[in-house]
N, C-alpha and C. Protein backbone atom coordinates (compact mmCIF):
# COMPACT_ATOMS: atom_id res chain seq x y z
N UNK A 1 -18.21 -12.65 4.35
CA UNK A 1 -19.44 -11.91 4.08
C UNK A 1 -19.32 -10.51 4.68
N UNK A 2 -19.64 -9.48 3.93
CA UNK A 2 -19.55 -8.11 4.45
C UNK A 2 -20.59 -7.86 5.54
N UNK A 3 -20.22 -7.03 6.50
CA UNK A 3 -21.15 -6.66 7.56
C UNK A 3 -22.07 -5.53 7.10
N UNK A 4 -21.57 -4.67 6.21
CA UNK A 4 -22.34 -3.55 5.69
C UNK A 4 -22.16 -3.50 4.18
N UNK A 5 -23.27 -3.42 3.46
CA UNK A 5 -23.23 -3.37 1.99
C UNK A 5 -24.08 -2.21 1.50
N UNK A 6 -23.49 -1.38 0.67
CA UNK A 6 -24.23 -0.33 -0.04
C UNK A 6 -24.21 -0.72 -1.51
N UNK A 7 -25.38 -0.78 -2.13
CA UNK A 7 -25.48 -1.20 -3.51
C UNK A 7 -26.16 -0.12 -4.35
N UNK A 8 -25.36 0.52 -5.22
CA UNK A 8 -25.87 1.52 -6.16
C UNK A 8 -26.68 2.63 -5.46
N UNK A 9 -26.13 3.17 -4.37
CA UNK A 9 -26.79 4.22 -3.59
C UNK A 9 -26.70 5.55 -4.32
N UNK A 10 -27.84 6.20 -4.46
CA UNK A 10 -27.90 7.56 -5.01
C UNK A 10 -28.76 8.40 -4.08
N UNK A 11 -28.44 9.69 -4.03
CA UNK A 11 -29.21 10.61 -3.20
C UNK A 11 -29.37 11.93 -3.93
N UNK A 12 -30.61 12.38 -4.01
CA UNK A 12 -30.91 13.65 -4.65
C UNK A 12 -31.55 14.60 -3.65
N UNK A 13 -31.22 15.87 -3.79
CA UNK A 13 -31.83 16.93 -3.01
C UNK A 13 -32.37 17.96 -3.99
N UNK A 14 -33.67 17.91 -4.24
CA UNK A 14 -34.29 18.88 -5.14
C UNK A 14 -33.64 18.97 -6.51
N UNK A 15 -33.34 17.85 -7.11
CA UNK A 15 -32.74 17.83 -8.44
C UNK A 15 -31.22 17.79 -8.45
N UNK A 16 -30.58 18.08 -7.31
CA UNK A 16 -29.13 17.99 -7.21
C UNK A 16 -28.76 16.58 -6.77
N UNK A 17 -27.96 15.90 -7.57
CA UNK A 17 -27.55 14.52 -7.26
C UNK A 17 -26.28 14.58 -6.42
N UNK A 18 -26.43 14.35 -5.11
CA UNK A 18 -25.30 14.42 -4.19
C UNK A 18 -24.45 13.15 -4.24
N UNK A 19 -25.09 12.00 -4.44
CA UNK A 19 -24.40 10.72 -4.61
C UNK A 19 -24.99 10.03 -5.83
N UNK A 20 -24.15 9.35 -6.58
CA UNK A 20 -24.62 8.73 -7.81
C UNK A 20 -24.05 7.32 -7.95
N UNK A 21 -24.85 6.33 -7.57
CA UNK A 21 -24.47 4.93 -7.77
C UNK A 21 -23.30 4.44 -6.95
N UNK A 22 -23.24 4.83 -5.67
CA UNK A 22 -22.14 4.42 -4.79
C UNK A 22 -22.38 2.99 -4.31
N UNK A 23 -21.37 2.15 -4.47
CA UNK A 23 -21.41 0.78 -3.95
C UNK A 23 -20.20 0.58 -3.06
N UNK A 24 -20.40 -0.13 -1.96
CA UNK A 24 -19.34 -0.31 -0.97
C UNK A 24 -19.64 -1.55 -0.15
N UNK A 25 -18.61 -2.31 0.16
CA UNK A 25 -18.75 -3.44 1.07
C UNK A 25 -17.75 -3.25 2.20
N UNK A 26 -18.24 -3.34 3.43
CA UNK A 26 -17.41 -3.18 4.61
C UNK A 26 -17.33 -4.52 5.31
N UNK A 27 -16.11 -5.02 5.45
CA UNK A 27 -15.88 -6.29 6.12
C UNK A 27 -15.77 -6.06 7.63
N UNK A 28 -16.21 -7.04 8.39
CA UNK A 28 -16.15 -6.95 9.85
C UNK A 28 -14.69 -6.88 10.31
N UNK A 29 -14.44 -6.13 11.35
CA UNK A 29 -13.14 -5.95 12.00
C UNK A 29 -12.09 -5.32 11.08
N UNK A 30 -12.54 -4.50 10.15
CA UNK A 30 -11.64 -3.76 9.28
C UNK A 30 -11.89 -2.26 9.49
N UNK A 31 -10.90 -1.46 9.20
CA UNK A 31 -11.02 -0.02 9.32
C UNK A 31 -11.00 0.58 7.92
N UNK A 32 -11.95 1.47 7.65
CA UNK A 32 -12.07 2.11 6.36
C UNK A 32 -12.08 3.62 6.56
N UNK A 33 -11.65 4.33 5.55
CA UNK A 33 -11.72 5.79 5.56
C UNK A 33 -12.46 6.28 4.34
N UNK A 34 -13.28 7.28 4.52
CA UNK A 34 -13.98 7.92 3.41
C UNK A 34 -13.37 9.31 3.28
N UNK A 35 -12.71 9.57 2.16
CA UNK A 35 -12.05 10.86 1.98
C UNK A 35 -12.55 11.53 0.71
N UNK A 36 -12.42 12.83 0.68
CA UNK A 36 -12.81 13.60 -0.49
C UNK A 36 -12.92 15.06 -0.13
N UNK A 37 -12.97 15.92 -1.14
CA UNK A 37 -13.06 17.36 -0.88
C UNK A 37 -14.44 17.74 -0.34
N UNK A 38 -14.54 18.97 0.13
CA UNK A 38 -15.83 19.50 0.58
C UNK A 38 -16.85 19.34 -0.54
N UNK A 39 -18.03 18.89 -0.17
CA UNK A 39 -19.10 18.74 -1.15
C UNK A 39 -19.07 17.44 -1.93
N UNK A 40 -18.15 16.53 -1.59
CA UNK A 40 -18.03 15.27 -2.33
C UNK A 40 -19.12 14.26 -1.97
N UNK A 41 -19.79 14.46 -0.83
CA UNK A 41 -20.86 13.54 -0.43
C UNK A 41 -20.55 12.66 0.76
N UNK A 42 -19.44 12.92 1.45
CA UNK A 42 -19.06 12.09 2.59
C UNK A 42 -20.12 12.12 3.69
N UNK A 43 -20.54 13.30 4.08
CA UNK A 43 -21.55 13.43 5.14
C UNK A 43 -22.87 12.85 4.69
N UNK A 44 -23.25 13.06 3.45
CA UNK A 44 -24.48 12.49 2.92
C UNK A 44 -24.43 10.97 3.00
N UNK A 45 -23.29 10.38 2.68
CA UNK A 45 -23.13 8.93 2.76
C UNK A 45 -23.35 8.44 4.18
N UNK A 46 -22.74 9.10 5.16
CA UNK A 46 -22.93 8.70 6.55
C UNK A 46 -24.37 8.92 7.01
N UNK A 47 -24.99 9.99 6.55
CA UNK A 47 -26.40 10.22 6.89
C UNK A 47 -27.30 9.13 6.33
N UNK A 48 -26.98 8.60 5.18
CA UNK A 48 -27.74 7.50 4.60
C UNK A 48 -27.54 6.21 5.39
N UNK A 49 -26.30 5.90 5.72
CA UNK A 49 -26.00 4.67 6.46
C UNK A 49 -26.67 4.69 7.83
N UNK A 50 -26.71 5.84 8.48
CA UNK A 50 -27.24 5.92 9.84
C UNK A 50 -28.72 6.26 9.91
N UNK A 51 -29.39 6.35 8.76
CA UNK A 51 -30.83 6.54 8.75
C UNK A 51 -31.31 7.97 8.89
N UNK A 52 -30.41 8.93 8.80
CA UNK A 52 -30.82 10.33 8.83
C UNK A 52 -31.61 10.63 7.56
N UNK A 53 -31.13 10.09 6.43
CA UNK A 53 -31.83 10.19 5.14
C UNK A 53 -32.15 8.79 4.64
N UNK A 54 -33.17 8.69 3.81
CA UNK A 54 -33.45 7.47 3.04
C UNK A 54 -32.85 7.66 1.66
N UNK A 55 -32.19 6.65 1.11
CA UNK A 55 -31.61 6.82 -0.22
C UNK A 55 -32.68 7.02 -1.29
N UNK A 56 -32.39 7.86 -2.26
CA UNK A 56 -33.28 8.04 -3.41
C UNK A 56 -33.33 6.77 -4.24
N UNK A 57 -32.19 6.09 -4.32
CA UNK A 57 -32.08 4.83 -5.07
C UNK A 57 -31.07 3.94 -4.36
N UNK A 58 -31.19 2.63 -4.56
CA UNK A 58 -30.22 1.68 -4.05
C UNK A 58 -30.62 1.08 -2.72
N UNK A 59 -29.78 0.15 -2.25
CA UNK A 59 -30.06 -0.55 -1.00
C UNK A 59 -28.87 -0.50 -0.06
N UNK A 60 -29.19 -0.47 1.23
CA UNK A 60 -28.19 -0.54 2.29
C UNK A 60 -28.55 -1.73 3.14
N UNK A 61 -27.59 -2.63 3.35
CA UNK A 61 -27.84 -3.83 4.15
C UNK A 61 -26.81 -3.93 5.27
N UNK A 62 -27.27 -4.36 6.44
CA UNK A 62 -26.41 -4.60 7.59
C UNK A 62 -26.61 -6.04 8.02
N UNK A 63 -25.54 -6.80 8.04
CA UNK A 63 -25.60 -8.23 8.37
C UNK A 63 -26.63 -8.96 7.51
N UNK A 64 -26.69 -8.59 6.23
CA UNK A 64 -27.56 -9.26 5.28
C UNK A 64 -29.01 -8.82 5.27
N UNK A 65 -29.39 -7.90 6.15
CA UNK A 65 -30.77 -7.41 6.23
C UNK A 65 -30.82 -5.96 5.75
N UNK A 66 -31.80 -5.65 4.93
CA UNK A 66 -31.97 -4.28 4.45
C UNK A 66 -32.31 -3.35 5.61
N UNK A 67 -31.65 -2.20 5.64
CA UNK A 67 -32.00 -1.18 6.63
C UNK A 67 -32.59 0.06 5.95
N UNK A 68 -32.90 -0.07 4.67
CA UNK A 68 -33.59 1.03 3.97
C UNK A 68 -34.90 1.33 4.69
N UNK A 69 -35.16 2.59 4.94
CA UNK A 69 -36.40 3.00 5.57
C UNK A 69 -36.41 2.90 7.08
N UNK A 70 -35.37 2.30 7.68
CA UNK A 70 -35.31 2.22 9.14
C UNK A 70 -35.01 3.60 9.70
N UNK A 71 -35.55 3.89 10.86
CA UNK A 71 -35.31 5.17 11.54
C UNK A 71 -33.91 5.17 12.15
N UNK A 72 -33.38 6.35 12.38
CA UNK A 72 -32.03 6.49 12.93
C UNK A 72 -31.89 5.76 14.25
N UNK A 73 -32.89 5.83 15.12
CA UNK A 73 -32.78 5.15 16.42
C UNK A 73 -32.80 3.63 16.26
N UNK A 74 -33.49 3.12 15.25
CA UNK A 74 -33.49 1.68 15.01
C UNK A 74 -32.12 1.22 14.51
N UNK A 75 -31.52 2.01 13.66
CA UNK A 75 -30.18 1.68 13.15
C UNK A 75 -29.16 1.81 14.27
N UNK A 76 -29.30 2.81 15.13
CA UNK A 76 -28.39 2.96 16.26
C UNK A 76 -28.47 1.76 17.19
N UNK A 77 -29.66 1.18 17.34
CA UNK A 77 -29.80 0.01 18.21
C UNK A 77 -29.07 -1.20 17.65
N UNK A 78 -28.76 -1.18 16.35
CA UNK A 78 -27.97 -2.25 15.74
C UNK A 78 -26.47 -2.05 15.97
N UNK A 79 -26.11 -0.86 16.45
CA UNK A 79 -24.71 -0.55 16.71
C UNK A 79 -24.08 0.37 15.68
N UNK A 80 -24.90 0.92 14.78
CA UNK A 80 -24.40 1.86 13.78
C UNK A 80 -24.81 3.26 14.21
N UNK A 81 -23.84 4.09 14.54
CA UNK A 81 -24.14 5.44 15.00
C UNK A 81 -23.08 6.39 14.47
N UNK A 82 -23.33 7.64 14.61
CA UNK A 82 -22.40 8.65 14.14
C UNK A 82 -22.36 9.81 15.12
N UNK A 83 -21.33 10.62 14.99
CA UNK A 83 -21.29 11.89 15.69
C UNK A 83 -21.45 12.97 14.64
N UNK A 84 -21.72 14.16 15.09
CA UNK A 84 -21.90 15.27 14.16
C UNK A 84 -20.67 16.17 14.21
N UNK A 85 -20.47 16.95 13.17
CA UNK A 85 -19.28 17.78 13.07
C UNK A 85 -19.24 18.86 14.15
N UNK A 86 -20.37 19.38 14.51
CA UNK A 86 -20.44 20.44 15.52
C UNK A 86 -20.95 19.85 16.83
N UNK A 87 -20.05 19.16 17.52
CA UNK A 87 -20.45 18.50 18.75
C UNK A 87 -20.36 19.47 19.93
N UNK A 88 -21.12 19.18 20.94
CA UNK A 88 -21.08 19.95 22.19
C UNK A 88 -20.63 18.99 23.29
N UNK A 89 -19.44 19.21 23.79
CA UNK A 89 -18.91 18.35 24.85
C UNK A 89 -19.23 18.94 26.21
N UNK A 90 -19.31 18.06 27.19
CA UNK A 90 -19.42 18.48 28.58
C UNK A 90 -17.99 18.69 29.07
N UNK A 91 -17.60 19.94 29.24
CA UNK A 91 -16.21 20.29 29.51
C UNK A 91 -15.66 19.64 30.78
N UNK A 92 -16.51 19.41 31.78
CA UNK A 92 -16.03 18.87 33.05
C UNK A 92 -16.02 17.34 33.08
N UNK A 93 -16.44 16.71 31.99
CA UNK A 93 -16.44 15.25 31.93
C UNK A 93 -15.23 14.76 31.15
N UNK A 94 -14.81 13.54 31.46
CA UNK A 94 -13.71 12.92 30.72
C UNK A 94 -14.18 12.54 29.32
N UNK A 95 -13.24 12.17 28.47
CA UNK A 95 -13.59 11.71 27.12
C UNK A 95 -14.52 10.51 27.21
N UNK A 96 -14.18 9.55 28.08
CA UNK A 96 -15.01 8.35 28.23
C UNK A 96 -16.43 8.71 28.66
N UNK A 97 -16.57 9.62 29.61
CA UNK A 97 -17.90 10.01 30.07
C UNK A 97 -18.68 10.75 28.99
N UNK A 98 -18.00 11.55 28.17
CA UNK A 98 -18.68 12.20 27.05
C UNK A 98 -19.20 11.17 26.06
N UNK A 99 -18.41 10.13 25.79
CA UNK A 99 -18.85 9.06 24.89
C UNK A 99 -20.03 8.32 25.51
N UNK A 100 -19.95 8.05 26.81
CA UNK A 100 -21.06 7.36 27.49
C UNK A 100 -22.36 8.14 27.41
N UNK A 101 -22.27 9.45 27.38
CA UNK A 101 -23.48 10.27 27.27
C UNK A 101 -24.26 9.90 26.02
N UNK A 102 -23.56 9.61 24.94
CA UNK A 102 -24.22 9.25 23.70
C UNK A 102 -24.67 7.81 23.63
N UNK A 103 -24.20 6.98 24.54
CA UNK A 103 -24.52 5.55 24.45
C UNK A 103 -25.73 5.14 25.26
N UNK A 104 -26.21 5.98 26.16
CA UNK A 104 -27.29 5.51 27.02
C UNK A 104 -28.56 5.20 26.26
N UNK A 105 -28.76 5.83 25.11
CA UNK A 105 -29.98 5.58 24.34
C UNK A 105 -29.99 4.26 23.60
N UNK A 106 -28.84 3.62 23.44
CA UNK A 106 -28.78 2.36 22.70
C UNK A 106 -28.41 1.18 23.59
N UNK A 107 -28.35 1.41 24.89
CA UNK A 107 -28.08 0.32 25.81
C UNK A 107 -29.35 -0.02 26.56
N UNK A 108 -29.32 -1.12 27.25
CA UNK A 108 -30.50 -1.54 28.01
C UNK A 108 -30.65 -0.75 29.31
N UNK A 109 -29.59 -0.07 29.70
CA UNK A 109 -29.64 0.68 30.94
C UNK A 109 -30.06 2.12 30.67
N UNK A 110 -30.36 2.81 31.72
CA UNK A 110 -30.78 4.20 31.61
C UNK A 110 -29.61 5.16 31.64
N UNK A 111 -29.94 6.43 31.65
CA UNK A 111 -28.94 7.49 31.62
C UNK A 111 -27.95 7.37 32.77
N UNK A 112 -28.42 7.30 34.00
CA UNK A 112 -27.52 7.28 35.15
C UNK A 112 -26.71 5.99 35.21
N UNK A 113 -27.30 4.88 34.83
CA UNK A 113 -26.55 3.63 34.79
C UNK A 113 -25.40 3.71 33.80
N UNK A 114 -25.66 4.32 32.65
CA UNK A 114 -24.60 4.49 31.65
C UNK A 114 -23.51 5.41 32.18
N UNK A 115 -23.91 6.50 32.79
CA UNK A 115 -22.93 7.47 33.29
C UNK A 115 -22.07 6.89 34.41
N UNK A 116 -22.68 6.04 35.24
CA UNK A 116 -21.95 5.47 36.37
C UNK A 116 -21.30 4.14 36.03
N UNK A 117 -21.52 3.65 34.82
CA UNK A 117 -20.92 2.39 34.39
C UNK A 117 -21.54 1.18 35.05
N UNK A 118 -22.80 1.30 35.45
CA UNK A 118 -23.49 0.18 36.09
C UNK A 118 -24.01 -0.80 35.05
N UNK A 119 -24.15 -2.08 35.42
CA UNK A 119 -24.67 -3.06 34.45
C UNK A 119 -26.12 -2.82 34.09
């Protein structure tokens, strides 16, 4: 059973159809790549999966439950998150600590607990 399913996803922006009927099934513990030229809809697809946008048409399901209409923070709490192309890193922190900075909002612990690696 797929962990993530996109069924006939379409997205429009003011009459411009950025995605048209995209379907995809992602199996657990597999690695997938989304490739294409600039403007092909890769970022739009990730924005739909992570709740930044709601699809104009179609359904997105995670573990068999629809996540259409869920807010980005609700989807992040399920373990689906993204980074943005123009990230701002903390130059004096390690890679691991920079990643931890983004995880404190989806863990049960607070900011300092995440940064210090406390339970």
